[in-house]
Amino acid sequence: MKIIKIAEEITVDMVKDPNCPPEILTEVLRRGKDDQISQCAVQNHNCHPEILTEILKREKNDLISQWAAKNPNCPPEILAEILKREEDDYVSRYAAQNSNCPAEALIEVLRRGKDDWVSMYAAQNRNCPPETLAEVLKRKNNDGVSYSAYNNDNCPIEEKWIWKNKIKNPTMWFLNYLNAHQAVKNNPEIIKLVKQDLVKALNDLLAGKITLTTEEKDKINKIVDYFSSDFVISLYRNKI
């Protein structure tokens, strides 16, 4: 990238200007300082991807590097490179949060199975694939990474429903099945899981291993009625 030598003194107001030329911002940032003018320059969305990459290749965790990782012009390649370091510093967190972060890098972070901040930011990123978010929720953990995956719009509604209910009530998680979204109720895998755990709960209930409130009994009876066409489940009608 060609650098134009600026004759006049570069000021903070100049680098804050959203129309500031990339050449001026690059000149400031190539000084390698962590001062106010550099911090303002690196936040400017006119920063050239090349200088942002240069900053991040220094492998520092200073404010300049943090803002470089957060800049929307930061290239996907350097963001992925940062996340391969397997750190949980601010630079890594901002890299995982950046909308340019490639899906492959986010997948790699989440498959480490950690509950650190960089994993939470990765799970929040809209580039994260639905299947990876589903993998996170299938761990059945009540942690920050799971909540981040749950709140990501890419997360499949079926996995959201299962995780939310299993966290609240691990044994009787299916009690709200009849009030679920149609996509949940019609999902073959969820139907299979509900039936499987319903029968187990009914057996435990009849054996006196668990007790239910009146409200819970009412819900479970309604689910039994709903699945009454299933021969096994039909055997439990009017027994609760």
C-alpha atoms as a PDB file:
ATOM      1  CA  MET A   1       0.000   0.000   0.000  1.00  0.00           C
ATOM      2  CA  LYS A   2       1.475   3.376  -1.034  1.00  0.00           C
ATOM      3  CA  ILE A   3       1.951   5.846   1.827  1.00  0.00           C
ATOM      4  CA  ILE A   4       1.499   9.546   1.141  1.00  0.00           C
ATOM      5  CA  LYS A   5       3.621  11.796   3.333  1.00  0.00           C
ATOM      6  CA  ILE A   6       1.384  14.338   4.993  1.00  0.00           C
ATOM      7  CA  ALA A   7       2.878  17.806   5.210  1.00  0.00           C
ATOM      8  CA  GLU A   8       0.661  19.177   7.961  1.00  0.00           C
ATOM      9  CA  GLU A   9       0.600  17.955  11.552  1.00  0.00           C
ATOM     10  CA  ILE A  10      -1.818  15.075  12.078  1.00  0.00           C
ATOM     11  CA  THR A  11      -4.272  15.712  14.909  1.00  0.00           C
ATOM     12  CA  VAL A  12      -6.709  13.613  16.925  1.00  0.00           C
ATOM     13  CA  ASP A  13      -9.644  15.380  15.271  1.00  0.00           C
ATOM     14  CA  MET A  14      -8.280  14.448  11.845  1.00  0.00           C
ATOM     15  CA  VAL A  15      -8.038  10.733  12.585  1.00  0.00           C
ATOM     16  CA  LYS A  16     -11.465  10.723  14.258  1.00  0.00           C
ATOM     17  CA  ASP A  17     -13.053  12.064  11.081  1.00  0.00           C
ATOM     18  CA  PRO A  18     -14.921   9.197   9.349  1.00  0.00           C
ATOM     19  CA  ASN A  19     -13.677  10.608   6.023  1.00  0.00           C
ATOM     20  CA  CYS A  20     -10.036  10.577   7.084  1.00  0.00           C
ATOM     21  CA  PRO A  21      -7.934   9.072   4.254  1.00  0.00           C
ATOM     22  CA  PRO A  22      -6.539   5.573   4.947  1.00  0.00           C
ATOM     23  CA  GLU A  23      -3.043   6.873   4.180  1.00  0.00           C
ATOM     24  CA  ILE A  24      -3.134   9.255   7.150  1.00  0.00           C
ATOM     25  CA  LEU A  25      -4.426   6.550   9.480  1.00  0.00           C
ATOM     26  CA  THR A  26      -1.697   4.183   8.292  1.00  0.00           C
ATOM     27  CA  GLU A  27       1.001   6.790   8.849  1.00  0.00           C
ATOM     28  CA  VAL A  28      -0.134   7.262  12.440  1.00  0.00           C
ATOM     29  CA  LEU A  29      -0.413   3.548  13.183  1.00  0.00           C
ATOM     30  CA  ARG A  30       2.963   2.637  11.681  1.00  0.00           C
ATOM     31  CA  ARG A  31       4.606   4.709  14.397  1.00  0.00           C
ATOM     32  CA  GLY A  32       3.931   1.749  16.660  1.00  0.00           C
ATOM     33  CA  LYS A  33       2.688   3.823  19.591  1.00  0.00           C
ATOM     34  CA  ASP A  34      -0.194   3.233  22.012  1.00  0.00           C
ATOM     35  CA  ASP A  35      -1.066   6.888  22.479  1.00  0.00           C
ATOM     36  CA  GLN A  36      -4.386   8.730  22.134  1.00  0.00           C
ATOM     37  CA  ILE A  37      -4.032   9.581  18.462  1.00  0.00           C
ATOM     38  CA  SER A  38      -3.170   5.968  17.594  1.00  0.00           C
ATOM     39  CA  GLN A  39      -6.133   4.661  19.588  1.00  0.00           C
ATOM     40  CA  CYS A  40      -8.453   7.036  17.728  1.00  0.00           C
ATOM     41  CA  ALA A  41      -6.915   6.158  14.363  1.00  0.00           C
ATOM     42  CA  VAL A  42      -7.269   2.401  14.761  1.00  0.00           C
ATOM     43  CA  GLN A  43     -10.988   2.763  15.547  1.00  0.00           C
ATOM     44  CA  ASN A  44     -11.640   4.567  12.268  1.00  0.00           C
ATOM     45  CA  HIS A  45     -13.520   2.382   9.787  1.00  0.00           C
ATOM     46  CA  ASN A  46     -11.360   3.769   6.979  1.00  0.00           C
ATOM     47  CA  CYS A  47      -8.352   1.861   8.295  1.00  0.00           C
ATOM     48  CA  HIS A  48      -6.782  -0.220   5.559  1.00  0.00           C
ATOM     49  CA  PRO A  49      -6.892  -4.010   6.186  1.00  0.00           C
ATOM     50  CA  GLU A  50      -3.132  -4.172   5.628  1.00  0.00           C
ATOM     51  CA  ILE A  51      -2.238  -1.961   8.590  1.00  0.00           C
ATOM     52  CA  LEU A  52      -4.721  -3.767  10.831  1.00  0.00           C
ATOM     53  CA  THR A  53      -3.034  -7.041   9.913  1.00  0.00           C
ATOM     54  CA  GLU A  54       0.392  -5.541  10.651  1.00  0.00           C
ATOM     55  CA  ILE A  55      -0.771  -4.465  14.105  1.00  0.00           C
ATOM     56  CA  LEU A  56      -2.209  -7.857  14.986  1.00  0.00           C
ATOM     57  CA  LYS A  57       0.850  -9.758  13.792  1.00  0.00           C
ATOM     58  CA  ARG A  58       2.760  -8.035  16.608  1.00  0.00           C
ATOM     59  CA  GLU A  59       0.857 -10.415  18.923  1.00  0.00           C
ATOM     60  CA  LYS A  60       0.260  -7.822  21.628  1.00  0.00           C
ATOM     61  CA  ASN A  61      -2.811  -7.402  23.849  1.00  0.00           C
ATOM     62  CA  ASP A  62      -2.672  -3.603  24.075  1.00  0.00           C
ATOM     63  CA  LEU A  63      -5.538  -1.228  23.260  1.00  0.00           C
ATOM     64  CA  ILE A  64      -4.288  -0.692  19.707  1.00  0.00           C
ATOM     65  CA  SER A  65      -4.413  -4.432  19.011  1.00  0.00           C
ATOM     66  CA  GLN A  66      -7.804  -4.790  20.661  1.00  0.00           C
ATOM     67  CA  TRP A  67      -9.330  -2.048  18.515  1.00  0.00           C
ATOM     68  CA  ALA A  68      -7.644  -3.490  15.418  1.00  0.00           C
ATOM     69  CA  ALA A  69      -9.329  -6.859  16.054  1.00  0.00           C
ATOM     70  CA  LYS A  70     -12.639  -5.078  16.512  1.00  0.00           C
ATOM     71  CA  ASN A  71     -12.395  -2.953  13.360  1.00  0.00           C
ATOM     72  CA  PRO A  72     -14.902  -4.041  10.655  1.00  0.00           C
ATOM     73  CA  ASN A  73     -12.128  -3.817   8.046  1.00  0.00           C
ATOM     74  CA  CYS A  74     -10.052  -6.456   9.802  1.00  0.00           C
ATOM     75  CA  PRO A  75      -9.409  -9.337   7.351  1.00  0.00           C
ATOM     76  CA  PRO A  76     -10.860 -12.797   8.086  1.00  0.00           C
ATOM     77  CA  GLU A  77      -7.436 -14.424   7.723  1.00  0.00           C
ATOM     78  CA  ILE A  78      -5.806 -12.553  10.603  1.00  0.00           C
ATOM     79  CA  LEU A  79      -8.882 -13.009  12.801  1.00  0.00           C
ATOM     80  CA  ALA A  80      -8.676 -16.768  12.265  1.00  0.00           C
ATOM     81  CA  GLU A  81      -4.944 -16.657  12.973  1.00  0.00           C
ATOM     82  CA  ILE A  82      -5.586 -14.921  16.297  1.00  0.00           C
ATOM     83  CA  LEU A  83      -8.105 -17.535  17.391  1.00  0.00           C
ATOM     84  CA  LYS A  84      -5.687 -20.349  16.613  1.00  0.00           C
ATOM     85  CA  ARG A  85      -3.498 -19.036  19.460  1.00  0.00           C
ATOM     86  CA  GLU A  86      -6.121 -20.440  21.861  1.00  0.00           C
ATOM     87  CA  GLU A  87      -5.913 -17.409  24.150  1.00  0.00           C
ATOM     88  CA  ASP A  88      -8.744 -15.787  26.123  1.00  0.00           C
ATOM     89  CA  ASP A  89      -7.370 -12.248  26.008  1.00  0.00           C
ATOM     90  CA  TYR A  90      -9.245  -9.175  24.800  1.00  0.00           C
ATOM     91  CA  VAL A  91      -7.742  -9.350  21.308  1.00  0.00           C
ATOM     92  CA  SER A  92      -9.042 -12.914  20.905  1.00  0.00           C
ATOM     93  CA  ARG A  93     -12.465 -11.969  22.260  1.00  0.00           C
ATOM     94  CA  TYR A  94     -12.838  -9.093  19.811  1.00  0.00           C
ATOM     95  CA  ALA A  95     -11.611 -11.326  16.985  1.00  0.00           C
ATOM     96  CA  ALA A  96     -14.332 -13.868  17.808  1.00  0.00           C
ATOM     97  CA  GLN A  97     -16.905 -11.077  17.939  1.00  0.00           C
ATOM     98  CA  ASN A  98     -15.914  -9.469  14.625  1.00  0.00           C
ATOM     99  CA  SER A  99     -18.484  -9.938  11.844  1.00  0.00           C
ATOM    100  CA  ASN A 100     -15.611 -10.805   9.464  1.00  0.00           C
ATOM    101  CA  CYS A 101     -14.563 -13.779  11.548  1.00  0.00           C
ATOM    102  CA  PRO A 102     -14.854 -16.919   9.379  1.00  0.00           C
ATOM    103  CA  ALA A 103     -17.204 -19.712  10.428  1.00  0.00           C
ATOM    104  CA  GLU A 104     -14.371 -22.248  10.431  1.00  0.00           C
ATOM    105  CA  ALA A 105     -12.504 -20.300  13.114  1.00  0.00           C
ATOM    106  CA  LEU A 106     -15.627 -20.010  15.272  1.00  0.00           C
ATOM    107  CA  ILE A 107     -16.305 -23.738  14.935  1.00  0.00           C
ATOM    108  CA  GLU A 108     -12.742 -24.502  16.031  1.00  0.00           C
ATOM    109  CA  VAL A 109     -13.130 -22.318  19.135  1.00  0.00           C
ATOM    110  CA  LEU A 110     -16.432 -23.879  20.200  1.00  0.00           C
ATOM    111  CA  ARG A 111     -15.291 -27.457  19.666  1.00  0.00           C
ATOM    112  CA  ARG A 112     -12.689 -26.929  22.385  1.00  0.00           C
ATOM    113  CA  GLY A 113     -15.585 -27.228  24.822  1.00  0.00           C
ATOM    114  CA  LYS A 114     -14.509 -24.329  27.026  1.00  0.00           C
ATOM    115  CA  ASP A 115     -16.675 -21.849  28.930  1.00  0.00           C
ATOM    116  CA  ASP A 116     -14.378 -18.847  28.544  1.00  0.00           C
ATOM    117  CA  TRP A 117     -15.133 -15.394  27.146  1.00  0.00           C
ATOM    118  CA  VAL A 118     -13.714 -16.044  23.694  1.00  0.00           C
ATOM    119  CA  SER A 119     -16.053 -19.058  23.373  1.00  0.00           C
ATOM    120  CA  MET A 120     -19.025 -16.958  24.467  1.00  0.00           C
ATOM    121  CA  TYR A 121     -18.232 -14.316  21.840  1.00  0.00           C
ATOM    122  CA  ALA A 122     -17.801 -17.040  19.216  1.00  0.00           C
ATOM    123  CA  ALA A 123     -21.221 -18.470  20.091  1.00  0.00           C
ATOM    124  CA  GLN A 124     -22.777 -15.009  19.745  1.00  0.00           C
ATOM    125  CA  ASN A 125     -21.319 -14.387  16.292  1.00  0.00           C
ATOM    126  CA  ARG A 126     -23.901 -14.500  13.465  1.00  0.00           C
ATOM    127  CA  ASN A 127     -21.364 -16.356  11.306  1.00  0.00           C
ATOM    128  CA  CYS A 128     -21.556 -19.350  13.614  1.00  0.00           C
ATOM    129  CA  PRO A 129     -23.316 -22.258  11.840  1.00  0.00           C
ATOM    130  CA  PRO A 130     -26.564 -23.676  13.266  1.00  0.00           C
ATOM    131  CA  GLU A 131     -25.120 -27.171  13.614  1.00  0.00           C
ATOM    132  CA  THR A 132     -22.244 -25.895  15.772  1.00  0.00           C
ATOM    133  CA  LEU A 133     -24.612 -23.967  18.040  1.00  0.00           C
ATOM    134  CA  ALA A 134     -26.718 -27.128  18.318  1.00  0.00           C
ATOM    135  CA  GLU A 135     -23.598 -29.073  19.346  1.00  0.00           C
ATOM    136  CA  VAL A 136     -23.011 -26.591  22.166  1.00  0.00           C
ATOM    137  CA  LEU A 137     -26.558 -26.978  23.512  1.00  0.00           C
ATOM    138  CA  LYS A 138     -26.432 -30.774  23.270  1.00  0.00           C
ATOM    139  CA  ARG A 139     -23.750 -30.740  25.985  1.00  0.00           C
ATOM    140  CA  LYS A 140     -26.627 -29.877  28.375  1.00  0.00           C
ATOM    141  CA  ASN A 141     -24.464 -27.416  30.281  1.00  0.00           C
ATOM    142  CA  ASN A 142     -25.889 -24.475  32.191  1.00  0.00           C
ATOM    143  CA  ASP A 143     -23.052 -22.088  31.344  1.00  0.00           C
ATOM    144  CA  GLY A 144     -22.298 -18.835  29.546  1.00  0.00           C
ATOM    145  CA  VAL A 145     -21.386 -20.462  26.241  1.00  0.00           C
ATOM    146  CA  SER A 146     -24.711 -22.307  26.161  1.00  0.00           C
ATOM    147  CA  TYR A 147     -26.663 -19.135  26.891  1.00  0.00           C
ATOM    148  CA  SER A 148     -24.768 -17.356  24.108  1.00  0.00           C
ATOM    149  CA  ALA A 149     -25.566 -20.169  21.661  1.00  0.00           C
ATOM    150  CA  TYR A 150     -29.204 -20.175  22.774  1.00  0.00           C
ATOM    151  CA  ASN A 151     -29.536 -16.433  22.103  1.00  0.00           C
ATOM    152  CA  ASN A 152     -27.948 -16.631  18.644  1.00  0.00           C
ATOM    153  CA  ASP A 153     -30.618 -16.293  15.928  1.00  0.00           C
ATOM    154  CA  ASN A 154     -28.866 -19.049  13.953  1.00  0.00           C
ATOM    155  CA  CYS A 155     -29.494 -21.622  16.664  1.00  0.00           C
ATOM    156  CA  PRO A 156     -32.150 -24.187  15.640  1.00  0.00           C
ATOM    157  CA  ILE A 157     -35.424 -23.631  17.488  1.00  0.00           C
ATOM    158  CA  GLU A 158     -35.708 -27.346  18.294  1.00  0.00           C
ATOM    159  CA  GLU A 159     -32.357 -27.418  20.105  1.00  0.00           C
ATOM    160  CA  LYS A 160     -33.241 -24.212  21.931  1.00  0.00           C
ATOM    161  CA  TRP A 161     -36.453 -25.739  23.224  1.00  0.00           C
ATOM    162  CA  ILE A 162     -34.826 -28.966  24.428  1.00  0.00           C
ATOM    163  CA  TRP A 163     -31.944 -27.163  26.163  1.00  0.00           C
ATOM    164  CA  LYS A 164     -34.149 -24.574  27.854  1.00  0.00           C
ATOM    165  CA  ASN A 165     -36.522 -27.177  29.251  1.00  0.00           C
ATOM    166  CA  LYS A 166     -33.826 -29.658  30.298  1.00  0.00           C
ATOM    167  CA  ILE A 167     -31.995 -26.924  32.204  1.00  0.00           C
ATOM    168  CA  LYS A 168     -35.171 -26.004  34.088  1.00  0.00           C
ATOM    169  CA  ASN A 169     -36.343 -29.575  34.775  1.00  0.00           C
ATOM    170  CA  PRO A 170     -33.882 -32.334  33.761  1.00  0.00           C
ATOM    171  CA  THR A 171     -36.263 -35.193  34.595  1.00  0.00           C
ATOM    172  CA  MET A 172     -39.593 -33.796  33.421  1.00  0.00           C
ATOM    173  CA  TRP A 173     -38.216 -31.491  30.712  1.00  0.00           C
ATOM    174  CA  PHE A 174     -40.967 -32.512  28.260  1.00  0.00           C
ATOM    175  CA  LEU A 175     -43.891 -31.200  30.341  1.00  0.00           C
ATOM    176  CA  ASN A 176     -44.285 -28.095  28.167  1.00  0.00           C
ATOM    177  CA  TYR A 177     -44.257 -30.076  24.933  1.00  0.00           C
ATOM    178  CA  LEU A 178     -47.901 -29.349  24.071  1.00  0.00           C
ATOM    179  CA  ASN A 179     -47.235 -25.591  24.259  1.00  0.00           C
ATOM    180  CA  ALA A 180     -44.140 -25.750  22.075  1.00  0.00           C
ATOM    181  CA  HIS A 181     -43.738 -24.176  18.636  1.00  0.00           C
ATOM    182  CA  GLN A 182     -45.158 -26.312  15.829  1.00  0.00           C
ATOM    183  CA  ALA A 183     -41.676 -26.852  14.411  1.00  0.00           C
ATOM    184  CA  VAL A 184     -40.721 -28.395  17.748  1.00  0.00           C
ATOM    185  CA  LYS A 185     -43.831 -30.537  18.102  1.00  0.00           C
ATOM    186  CA  ASN A 186     -43.484 -31.922  14.569  1.00  0.00           C
ATOM    187  CA  ASN A 187     -39.798 -32.724  14.827  1.00  0.00           C
ATOM    188  CA  PRO A 188     -39.351 -36.537  14.642  1.00  0.00           C
ATOM    189  CA  GLU A 189     -36.272 -36.551  16.869  1.00  0.00           C
ATOM    190  CA  ILE A 190     -38.006 -34.489  19.561  1.00  0.00           C
ATOM    191  CA  ILE A 191     -41.104 -36.702  19.408  1.00  0.00           C
ATOM    192  CA  LYS A 192     -38.870 -39.733  19.892  1.00  0.00           C
ATOM    193  CA  LEU A 193     -37.082 -38.140  22.867  1.00  0.00           C
ATOM    194  CA  VAL A 194     -40.317 -36.986  24.475  1.00  0.00           C
ATOM    195  CA  LYS A 195     -41.915 -40.428  24.187  1.00  0.00           C
ATOM    196  CA  GLN A 196     -38.794 -42.136  25.505  1.00  0.00           C
ATOM    197  CA  ASP A 197     -38.449 -39.919  28.594  1.00  0.00           C
ATOM    198  CA  LEU A 198     -42.222 -39.814  29.109  1.00  0.00           C
ATOM    199  CA  VAL A 199     -42.368 -43.602  29.490  1.00  0.00           C
ATOM    200  CA  LYS A 200     -39.378 -43.566  31.844  1.00  0.00           C
ATOM    201  CA  ALA A 201     -41.003 -40.846  33.984  1.00  0.00           C
ATOM    202  CA  LEU A 202     -44.314 -42.734  34.054  1.00  0.00           C
ATOM    203  CA  ASN A 203     -42.606 -45.921  35.227  1.00  0.00           C
ATOM    204  CA  ASP A 204     -40.701 -44.012  37.938  1.00  0.00           C
ATOM    205  CA  LEU A 205     -43.900 -42.310  39.013  1.00  0.00           C
ATOM    206  CA  LEU A 206     -45.850 -45.550  39.301  1.00  0.00           C
ATOM    207  CA  ALA A 207     -42.943 -47.136  41.171  1.00  0.00           C
ATOM    208  CA  GLY A 208     -42.969 -44.274  43.659  1.00  0.00           C
ATOM    209  CA  LYS A 209     -39.493 -43.076  42.700  1.00  0.00           C
ATOM    210  CA  ILE A 210     -40.692 -39.558  41.890  1.00  0.00           C
ATOM    211  CA  THR A 211     -43.604 -37.374  42.943  1.00  0.00           C
ATOM    212  CA  LEU A 212     -45.451 -34.729  40.941  1.00  0.00           C
ATOM    213  CA  THR A 213     -47.421 -31.637  41.783  1.00  0.00           C
ATOM    214  CA  THR A 214     -51.078 -31.458  40.736  1.00  0.00           C
ATOM    215  CA  GLU A 215     -50.122 -29.183  37.857  1.00  0.00           C
ATOM    216  CA  GLU A 216     -47.398 -31.569  36.692  1.00  0.00           C
ATOM    217  CA  LYS A 217     -49.794 -34.519  36.837  1.00  0.00           C
ATOM    218  CA  ASP A 218     -52.282 -32.606  34.728  1.00  0.00           C
ATOM    219  CA  LYS A 219     -49.617 -31.846  32.122  1.00  0.00           C
ATOM    220  CA  ILE A 220     -48.319 -35.389  31.956  1.00  0.00           C
ATOM    221  CA  ASN A 221     -51.844 -36.798  31.561  1.00  0.00           C
ATOM    222  CA  LYS A 222     -52.465 -34.428  28.657  1.00  0.00           C
ATOM    223  CA  ILE A 223     -49.264 -35.566  26.976  1.00  0.00           C
ATOM    224  CA  VAL A 224     -50.257 -39.206  27.483  1.00  0.00           C
ATOM    225  CA  ASP A 225     -53.612 -38.442  25.842  1.00  0.00           C
ATOM    226  CA  TYR A 226     -51.856 -36.636  22.994  1.00  0.00           C
ATOM    227  CA  PHE A 227     -49.713 -39.705  22.265  1.00  0.00           C
ATOM    228  CA  SER A 228     -52.510 -42.202  22.955  1.00  0.00           C
ATOM    229  CA  SER A 229     -52.172 -43.619  19.433  1.00  0.00           C
ATOM    230  CA  ASP A 230     -48.811 -45.005  20.568  1.00  0.00           C
ATOM    231  CA  PHE A 231     -49.583 -48.466  21.983  1.00  0.00           C
ATOM    232  CA  VAL A 232     -47.016 -48.370  24.792  1.00  0.00           C
ATOM    233  CA  ILE A 233     -48.027 -44.907  25.982  1.00  0.00           C
ATOM    234  CA  SER A 234     -51.729 -45.748  25.731  1.00  0.00           C
ATOM    235  CA  LEU A 235     -51.216 -48.358  28.470  1.00  0.00           C
ATOM    236  CA  TYR A 236     -50.595 -45.547  30.952  1.00  0.00           C
ATOM    237  CA  ARG A 237     -53.894 -43.726  30.368  1.00  0.00           C
ATOM    238  CA  ASN A 238     -55.886 -43.062  33.536  1.00  0.00           C
ATOM    239  CA  LYS A 239     -53.154 -44.553  35.721  1.00  0.00           C
ATOM    240  CA  ILE A 240     -51.690 -41.297  37.041  1.00  0.00           C
END
